[in-house]
C-alpha atoms as a PDB file:
ATOM      1  CA  UNK A   1      -0.045 -23.991 -17.523  1.00  0.00           C
ATOM      2  CA  UNK A   2       2.898 -23.993 -19.949  1.00  0.00           C
ATOM      3  CA  UNK A   3       6.311 -24.570 -18.396  1.00  0.00           C
ATOM      4  CA  UNK A   4       7.765 -21.202 -19.528  1.00  0.00           C
ATOM      5  CA  UNK A   5       5.055 -19.456 -17.508  1.00  0.00           C
ATOM      6  CA  UNK A   6       5.753 -21.653 -14.479  1.00  0.00           C
ATOM      7  CA  UNK A   7       9.500 -20.948 -14.676  1.00  0.00           C
ATOM      8  CA  UNK A   8       9.159 -17.221 -15.373  1.00  0.00           C
ATOM      9  CA  UNK A   9      10.747 -16.033 -12.108  1.00  0.00           C
ATOM     10  CA  UNK A  10      13.353 -18.788 -12.157  1.00  0.00           C
ATOM     11  CA  UNK A  11      14.392 -17.792 -15.677  1.00  0.00           C
ATOM     12  CA  UNK A  12      14.561 -14.137 -14.636  1.00  0.00           C
ATOM     13  CA  UNK A  13      16.927 -14.869 -11.738  1.00  0.00           C
ATOM     14  CA  UNK A  14      19.029 -17.082 -14.025  1.00  0.00           C
ATOM     15  CA  UNK A  15      19.181 -14.161 -16.503  1.00  0.00           C
ATOM     16  CA  UNK A  16      17.691 -16.283 -19.281  1.00  0.00           C
ATOM     17  CA  UNK A  17      14.980 -13.634 -19.838  1.00  0.00           C
ATOM     18  CA  UNK A  18      14.782  -9.906 -19.243  1.00  0.00           C
ATOM     19  CA  UNK A  19      12.331  -8.131 -16.925  1.00  0.00           C
ATOM     20  CA  UNK A  20       9.996  -7.139 -19.751  1.00  0.00           C
ATOM     21  CA  UNK A  21       9.630 -10.788 -20.831  1.00  0.00           C
ATOM     22  CA  UNK A  22       9.109 -11.787 -17.200  1.00  0.00           C
ATOM     23  CA  UNK A  23       6.299  -9.233 -16.856  1.00  0.00           C
ATOM     24  CA  UNK A  24       4.578 -10.566 -19.995  1.00  0.00           C
ATOM     25  CA  UNK A  25       4.802 -14.145 -18.727  1.00  0.00           C
ATOM     26  CA  UNK A  26       3.400 -13.176 -15.334  1.00  0.00           C
ATOM     27  CA  UNK A  27       0.489 -11.472 -17.083  1.00  0.00           C
ATOM     28  CA  UNK A  28      -0.068 -14.572 -19.249  1.00  0.00           C
ATOM     29  CA  UNK A  29      -0.630 -16.655 -16.102  1.00  0.00           C
ATOM     30  CA  UNK A  30      -3.881 -14.911 -15.202  1.00  0.00           C
ATOM     31  CA  UNK A  31      -6.275 -16.952 -17.406  1.00  0.00           C
ATOM     32  CA  UNK A  32      -5.196 -20.155 -15.610  1.00  0.00           C
ATOM     33  CA  UNK A  33      -6.341 -18.966 -12.182  1.00  0.00           C
ATOM     34  CA  UNK A  34      -9.351 -20.351 -10.373  1.00  0.00           C
ATOM     35  CA  UNK A  35     -12.062 -17.730 -10.670  1.00  0.00           C
ATOM     36  CA  UNK A  36     -14.136 -16.660  -7.640  1.00  0.00           C
ATOM     37  CA  UNK A  37     -17.739 -17.779  -7.939  1.00  0.00           C
ATOM     38  CA  UNK A  38     -18.940 -16.426  -4.601  1.00  0.00           C
ATOM     39  CA  UNK A  39     -17.602 -14.191  -1.875  1.00  0.00           C
ATOM     40  CA  UNK A  40     -15.958 -15.724   1.171  1.00  0.00           C
ATOM     41  CA  UNK A  41     -18.327 -16.795   3.915  1.00  0.00           C
ATOM     42  CA  UNK A  42     -17.953 -15.813   7.549  1.00  0.00           C
ATOM     43  CA  UNK A  43     -15.469 -18.658   8.132  1.00  0.00           C
ATOM     44  CA  UNK A  44     -13.286 -17.780   5.135  1.00  0.00           C
ATOM     45  CA  UNK A  45     -14.454 -20.567   2.787  1.00  0.00           C
ATOM     46  CA  UNK A  46     -14.948 -19.561  -0.832  1.00  0.00           C
ATOM     47  CA  UNK A  47     -16.450 -21.206  -3.887  1.00  0.00           C
ATOM     48  CA  UNK A  48     -14.225 -20.945  -6.996  1.00  0.00           C
ATOM     49  CA  UNK A  49     -14.688 -22.014 -10.621  1.00  0.00           C
ATOM     50  CA  UNK A  50     -12.528 -23.965 -13.025  1.00  0.00           C
ATOM     51  CA  UNK A  51     -10.979 -21.458 -15.483  1.00  0.00           C
ATOM     52  CA  UNK A  52     -12.360 -23.448 -18.432  1.00  0.00           C
ATOM     53  CA  UNK A  53     -15.866 -23.353 -16.945  1.00  0.00           C
ATOM     54  CA  UNK A  54     -15.418 -19.625 -16.380  1.00  0.00           C
ATOM     55  CA  UNK A  55     -14.547 -19.067 -20.054  1.00  0.00           C
ATOM     56  CA  UNK A  56     -10.927 -18.041 -19.475  1.00  0.00           C
ATOM     57  CA  UNK A  57      -9.243 -21.019 -21.178  1.00  0.00           C
ATOM     58  CA  UNK A  58     -10.121 -23.970 -23.417  1.00  0.00           C
ATOM     59  CA  UNK A  59      -9.754 -27.485 -22.051  1.00  0.00           C
ATOM     60  CA  UNK A  60     -10.492 -30.926 -23.529  1.00  0.00           C
ATOM     61  CA  UNK A  61     -11.918 -32.026 -20.173  1.00  0.00           C
ATOM     62  CA  UNK A  62     -14.609 -29.352 -20.545  1.00  0.00           C
ATOM     63  CA  UNK A  63     -15.850 -29.806 -24.143  1.00  0.00           C
ATOM     64  CA  UNK A  64     -18.154 -26.797 -23.861  1.00  0.00           C
ATOM     65  CA  UNK A  65     -15.072 -24.565 -23.494  1.00  0.00           C
ATOM     66  CA  UNK A  66     -13.594 -25.596 -26.866  1.00  0.00           C
ATOM     67  CA  UNK A  67     -13.958 -23.450 -29.963  1.00  0.00           C
ATOM     68  CA  UNK A  68     -14.600 -20.199 -28.115  1.00  0.00           C
ATOM     69  CA  UNK A  69     -11.808 -18.365 -29.877  1.00  0.00           C
ATOM     70  CA  UNK A  70      -8.129 -18.560 -30.633  1.00  0.00           C
ATOM     71  CA  UNK A  71      -7.459 -15.807 -28.087  1.00  0.00           C
ATOM     72  CA  UNK A  72      -8.158 -18.255 -25.259  1.00  0.00           C
ATOM     73  CA  UNK A  73      -5.222 -20.453 -24.140  1.00  0.00           C
ATOM     74  CA  UNK A  74      -5.608 -24.171 -24.796  1.00  0.00           C
ATOM     75  CA  UNK A  75      -4.995 -26.354 -21.746  1.00  0.00           C
ATOM     76  CA  UNK A  76      -3.601 -29.836 -22.361  1.00  0.00           C
ATOM     77  CA  UNK A  77      -4.022 -31.734 -19.069  1.00  0.00           C
ATOM     78  CA  UNK A  78      -1.581 -34.540 -18.444  1.00  0.00           C
ATOM     79  CA  UNK A  79      -2.997 -38.054 -17.934  1.00  0.00           C
ATOM     80  CA  UNK A  80      -3.238 -39.035 -14.287  1.00  0.00           C
ATOM     81  CA  UNK A  81      -3.535 -42.729 -13.258  1.00  0.00           C
ATOM     82  CA  UNK A  82      -5.528 -41.728 -10.177  1.00  0.00           C
ATOM     83  CA  UNK A  83      -7.895 -39.532 -12.160  1.00  0.00           C
ATOM     84  CA  UNK A  84      -8.146 -35.807 -12.594  1.00  0.00           C
ATOM     85  CA  UNK A  85      -8.381 -33.428  -9.673  1.00  0.00           C
ATOM     86  CA  UNK A  86     -11.805 -32.475  -8.364  1.00  0.00           C
ATOM     87  CA  UNK A  87     -11.994 -29.106 -10.061  1.00  0.00           C
ATOM     88  CA  UNK A  88     -11.430 -30.794 -13.446  1.00  0.00           C
ATOM     89  CA  UNK A  89     -14.339 -33.170 -12.841  1.00  0.00           C
ATOM     90  CA  UNK A  90     -16.838 -30.478 -11.871  1.00  0.00           C
ATOM     91  CA  UNK A  91     -17.450 -26.801 -12.464  1.00  0.00           C
ATOM     92  CA  UNK A  92     -16.485 -25.422  -9.060  1.00  0.00           C
ATOM     93  CA  UNK A  93     -14.985 -26.378  -5.712  1.00  0.00           C
ATOM     94  CA  UNK A  94     -14.853 -24.902  -2.218  1.00  0.00           C
ATOM     95  CA  UNK A  95     -11.483 -23.605  -1.024  1.00  0.00           C
ATOM     96  CA  UNK A  96     -10.737 -23.642   2.707  1.00  0.00           C
ATOM     97  CA  UNK A  97      -9.057 -20.587   4.278  1.00  0.00           C
ATOM     98  CA  UNK A  98      -6.017 -22.719   5.142  1.00  0.00           C
ATOM     99  CA  UNK A  99      -5.407 -23.750   1.518  1.00  0.00           C
ATOM    100  CA  UNK A 100      -2.379 -21.828   0.281  1.00  0.00           C
ATOM    101  CA  UNK A 101      -2.498 -19.520   3.305  1.00  0.00           C
ATOM    102  CA  UNK A 102       1.278 -19.673   3.725  1.00  0.00           C
ATOM    103  CA  UNK A 103       1.885 -18.102   0.311  1.00  0.00           C
ATOM    104  CA  UNK A 104      -1.191 -15.842   0.159  1.00  0.00           C
ATOM    105  CA  UNK A 105      -0.676 -12.127  -0.457  1.00  0.00           C
ATOM    106  CA  UNK A 106      -3.093  -9.288  -1.009  1.00  0.00           C
ATOM    107  CA  UNK A 107      -1.538  -8.223  -4.332  1.00  0.00           C
ATOM    108  CA  UNK A 108      -1.083 -10.637  -7.190  1.00  0.00           C
ATOM    109  CA  UNK A 109       2.575 -11.542  -7.505  1.00  0.00           C
ATOM    110  CA  UNK A 110       4.406  -9.791 -10.309  1.00  0.00           C
ATOM    111  CA  UNK A 111       1.609  -7.663 -11.756  1.00  0.00           C
ATOM    112  CA  UNK A 112       1.885  -3.904 -12.240  1.00  0.00           C
ATOM    113  CA  UNK A 113       0.438  -2.914  -8.871  1.00  0.00           C
ATOM    114  CA  UNK A 114       2.594  -5.479  -7.052  1.00  0.00           C
ATOM    115  CA  UNK A 115       5.756  -4.177  -8.734  1.00  0.00           C
ATOM    116  CA  UNK A 116       4.894  -0.594  -7.855  1.00  0.00           C
ATOM    117  CA  UNK A 117       4.440  -1.388  -4.149  1.00  0.00           C
ATOM    118  CA  UNK A 118       7.216  -3.989  -3.866  1.00  0.00           C
ATOM    119  CA  UNK A 119      10.025  -1.978  -5.417  1.00  0.00           C
ATOM    120  CA  UNK A 120       9.083   1.173  -3.520  1.00  0.00           C
ATOM    121  CA  UNK A 121       9.156  -0.693  -0.195  1.00  0.00           C
ATOM    122  CA  UNK A 122      12.321  -2.552  -1.165  1.00  0.00           C
ATOM    123  CA  UNK A 123      14.132   0.695  -1.926  1.00  0.00           C
ATOM    124  CA  UNK A 124      13.049   2.034   1.459  1.00  0.00           C
ATOM    125  CA  UNK A 125      14.303  -1.080   3.260  1.00  0.00           C
ATOM    126  CA  UNK A 126      17.627  -1.088   1.409  1.00  0.00           C
ATOM    127  CA  UNK A 127      18.106   2.573   2.264  1.00  0.00           C
ATOM    128  CA  UNK A 128      17.543   1.847   5.940  1.00  0.00           C
ATOM    129  CA  UNK A 129      19.955  -1.116   5.806  1.00  0.00           C
ATOM    130  CA  UNK A 130      22.597   1.138   4.317  1.00  0.00           C
ATOM    131  CA  UNK A 131      22.109   3.625   7.146  1.00  0.00           C
ATOM    132  CA  UNK A 132      22.316   0.901   9.805  1.00  0.00           C
ATOM    133  CA  UNK A 133      25.526  -0.504   8.286  1.00  0.00           C
ATOM    134  CA  UNK A 134      27.133   2.905   7.827  1.00  0.00           C
ATOM    135  CA  UNK A 135      30.321   3.148   9.955  1.00  0.00           C
ATOM    136  CA  UNK A 136      29.339   6.732  10.809  1.00  0.00           C
ATOM    137  CA  UNK A 137      25.902   5.617  12.038  1.00  0.00           C
ATOM    138  CA  UNK A 138      25.176   2.295  13.811  1.00  0.00           C
ATOM    139  CA  UNK A 139      27.877   0.241  12.049  1.00  0.00           C
ATOM    140  CA  UNK A 140      26.062  -3.048  12.661  1.00  0.00           C
ATOM    141  CA  UNK A 141      28.404  -4.818  10.218  1.00  0.00           C
ATOM    142  CA  UNK A 142      31.413  -4.061  12.442  1.00  0.00           C
ATOM    143  CA  UNK A 143      31.799  -6.865  14.964  1.00  0.00           C
ATOM    144  CA  UNK A 144      33.972  -4.557  17.070  1.00  0.00           C
ATOM    145  CA  UNK A 145      30.873  -2.587  18.066  1.00  0.00           C
ATOM    146  CA  UNK A 146      29.600  -5.667  19.952  1.00  0.00           C
ATOM    147  CA  UNK A 147      32.540  -6.943  22.016  1.00  0.00           C
ATOM    148  CA  UNK A 148      30.841  -9.920  23.597  1.00  0.00           C
ATOM    149  CA  UNK A 149      30.798 -13.681  22.967  1.00  0.00           C
ATOM    150  CA  UNK A 150      27.782 -15.816  22.111  1.00  0.00           C
ATOM    151  CA  UNK A 151      25.112 -15.561  19.437  1.00  0.00           C
ATOM    152  CA  UNK A 152      22.385 -14.807  22.008  1.00  0.00           C
ATOM    153  CA  UNK A 153      24.278 -11.852  23.466  1.00  0.00           C
ATOM    154  CA  UNK A 154      25.213 -10.638  19.985  1.00  0.00           C
ATOM    155  CA  UNK A 155      21.548 -10.778  18.937  1.00  0.00           C
ATOM    156  CA  UNK A 156      20.408  -8.769  21.963  1.00  0.00           C
ATOM    157  CA  UNK A 157      22.996  -6.068  21.352  1.00  0.00           C
ATOM    158  CA  UNK A 158      22.070  -5.990  17.660  1.00  0.00           C
ATOM    159  CA  UNK A 159      18.432  -5.434  18.610  1.00  0.00           C
ATOM    160  CA  UNK A 160      19.472  -2.441  20.735  1.00  0.00           C
ATOM    161  CA  UNK A 161      21.478  -1.039  17.823  1.00  0.00           C
ATOM    162  CA  UNK A 162      18.554  -1.389  15.428  1.00  0.00           C
ATOM    163  CA  UNK A 163      16.186   0.177  17.950  1.00  0.00           C
ATOM    164  CA  UNK A 164      18.558   3.126  18.301  1.00  0.00           C
ATOM    165  CA  UNK A 165      18.779   3.445  14.519  1.00  0.00           C
ATOM    166  CA  UNK A 166      14.978   3.618  14.411  1.00  0.00           C
ATOM    167  CA  UNK A 167      14.741   6.513  16.860  1.00  0.00           C
ATOM    168  CA  UNK A 168      15.003   9.325  14.274  1.00  0.00           C
ATOM    169  CA  UNK A 169      12.224   7.757  12.183  1.00  0.00           C
ATOM    170  CA  UNK A 170      10.074   7.171  15.272  1.00  0.00           C
ATOM    171  CA  UNK A 171      10.502  10.766  16.358  1.00  0.00           C
ATOM    172  CA  UNK A 172       9.655  11.973  12.864  1.00  0.00           C
ATOM    173  CA  UNK A 173       6.519   9.817  12.755  1.00  0.00           C
ATOM    174  CA  UNK A 174       5.556  11.100  16.193  1.00  0.00           C
ATOM    175  CA  UNK A 175       5.829  14.691  15.021  1.00  0.00           C
ATOM    176  CA  UNK A 176       3.854  13.984  11.873  1.00  0.00           C
ATOM    177  CA  UNK A 177       1.112  12.159  13.789  1.00  0.00           C
ATOM    178  CA  UNK A 178       0.800  14.856  16.459  1.00  0.00           C
ATOM    179  CA  UNK A 179      -2.387  16.894  15.921  1.00  0.00           C
ATOM    180  CA  UNK A 180      -1.738  20.447  14.860  1.00  0.00           C
ATOM    181  CA  UNK A 181      -2.882  22.955  17.452  1.00  0.00           C
ATOM    182  CA  UNK A 182      -4.912  25.892  16.289  1.00  0.00           C
ATOM    183  CA  UNK A 183      -3.051  29.166  16.665  1.00  0.00           C
ATOM    184  CA  UNK A 184      -4.473  31.416  19.428  1.00  0.00           C
ATOM    185  CA  UNK A 185      -6.470  34.384  18.142  1.00  0.00           C
ATOM    186  CA  UNK A 186      -4.458  37.587  17.914  1.00  0.00           C
ATOM    187  CA  UNK A 187      -5.506  40.550  20.023  1.00  0.00           C
ATOM    188  CA  UNK A 188      -6.681  43.509  17.982  1.00  0.00           C
ATOM    189  CA  UNK A 189      -6.666  47.136  19.045  1.00  0.00           C
ATOM    190  CA  UNK A 190     -10.155  48.437  19.956  1.00  0.00           C
ATOM    191  CA  UNK A 191     -11.768  50.199  17.056  1.00  0.00           C
ATOM    192  CA  UNK A 192     -13.447  53.579  17.264  1.00  0.00           C
ATOM    193  CA  UNK A 193     -17.242  53.607  17.127  1.00  0.00           C
ATOM    194  CA  UNK A 194     -18.585  53.718  13.623  1.00  0.00           C
ATOM    195  CA  UNK A 195     -19.450  57.212  12.468  1.00  0.00           C
ATOM    196  CA  UNK A 196     -22.157  57.448   9.841  1.00  0.00           C
ATOM    197  CA  UNK A 197     -21.228  59.292   6.663  1.00  0.00           C
ATOM    198  CA  UNK A 198     -22.183  62.978   6.807  1.00  0.00           C
ATOM    199  CA  UNK A 199     -22.732  63.006  10.598  1.00  0.00           C
ATOM    200  CA  UNK A 200     -20.668  65.515  12.586  1.00  0.00           C
ATOM    201  CA  UNK A 201     -18.880  64.570  15.772  1.00  0.00           C
ATOM    202  CA  UNK A 202     -19.528  67.405  18.229  1.00  0.00           C
ATOM    203  CA  UNK A 203     -16.400  66.596  20.234  1.00  0.00           C
ATOM    204  CA  UNK A 204     -14.183  67.342  17.231  1.00  0.00           C
ATOM    205  CA  UNK A 205     -15.736  70.779  16.497  1.00  0.00           C
ATOM    206  CA  UNK A 206     -14.338  74.072  17.760  1.00  0.00           C
ATOM    207  CA  UNK A 207     -15.684  75.253  21.129  1.00  0.00           C
ATOM    208  CA  UNK A 208     -17.869  77.999  19.618  1.00  0.00           C
ATOM    209  CA  UNK A 209     -19.538  75.523  17.259  1.00  0.00           C
ATOM    210  CA  UNK A 210     -20.147  73.034  20.064  1.00  0.00           C
ATOM    211  CA  UNK A 211     -21.856  75.775  22.145  1.00  0.00           C
ATOM    212  CA  UNK A 212     -24.026  76.653  19.150  1.00  0.00           C
ATOM    213  CA  UNK A 213     -25.095  73.060  18.647  1.00  0.00           C
ATOM    214  CA  UNK A 214     -25.772  72.666  22.382  1.00  0.00           C
ATOM    215  CA  UNK A 215     -27.904  75.780  22.546  1.00  0.00           C
ATOM    216  CA  UNK A 216     -29.873  74.721  19.488  1.00  0.00           C
ATOM    217  CA  UNK A 217     -30.688  71.341  21.091  1.00  0.00           C
ATOM    218  CA  UNK A 218     -31.816  72.905  24.376  1.00  0.00           C
ATOM    219  CA  UNK A 219     -33.860  75.546  22.584  1.00  0.00           C
END
């Protein structure tokens, strides 16, 4: 991989390049990755392919990869007195789960999705740090709030301060996670029996009419 791509983050921190250039260089790294050939097995081992064998780059050590197009990066491997690494001598290798485990992360470093998640979480963390350092809140920067000697005692008191600073967020999360109870049904006033259209209610008629209706039914 070309040195400018290797030093992309270093050049960004040294302010030799801007963030847009850094993003382009991070994106240009992708063709040089080992490509998965198979899914991980039950023990976490995975078979991966050389990028030249996978058709992502051109390399003189893999003659069949040459001449596939100028859009593919050209790899110029450095001579090695002990010989080339295994993946350069064959098409694929098996990667153990412990290989690179220390630096493994679910999102690819620097790409668009990584930046979206990283900067959102970073802003959240920096906001919390500002609250914890606020003299009107926990004031963890003020040594006078922990009047005790010794780094161990200072650390324990700092833990208590941070736990106390977390209480509002914990209470908020507890309220949000609490299941919403269904509101009890409201009591409704009893409704009068349904009266069919055109049917007379004898109890609402004058007394003379009710007697007439009663006599007609008995007759």
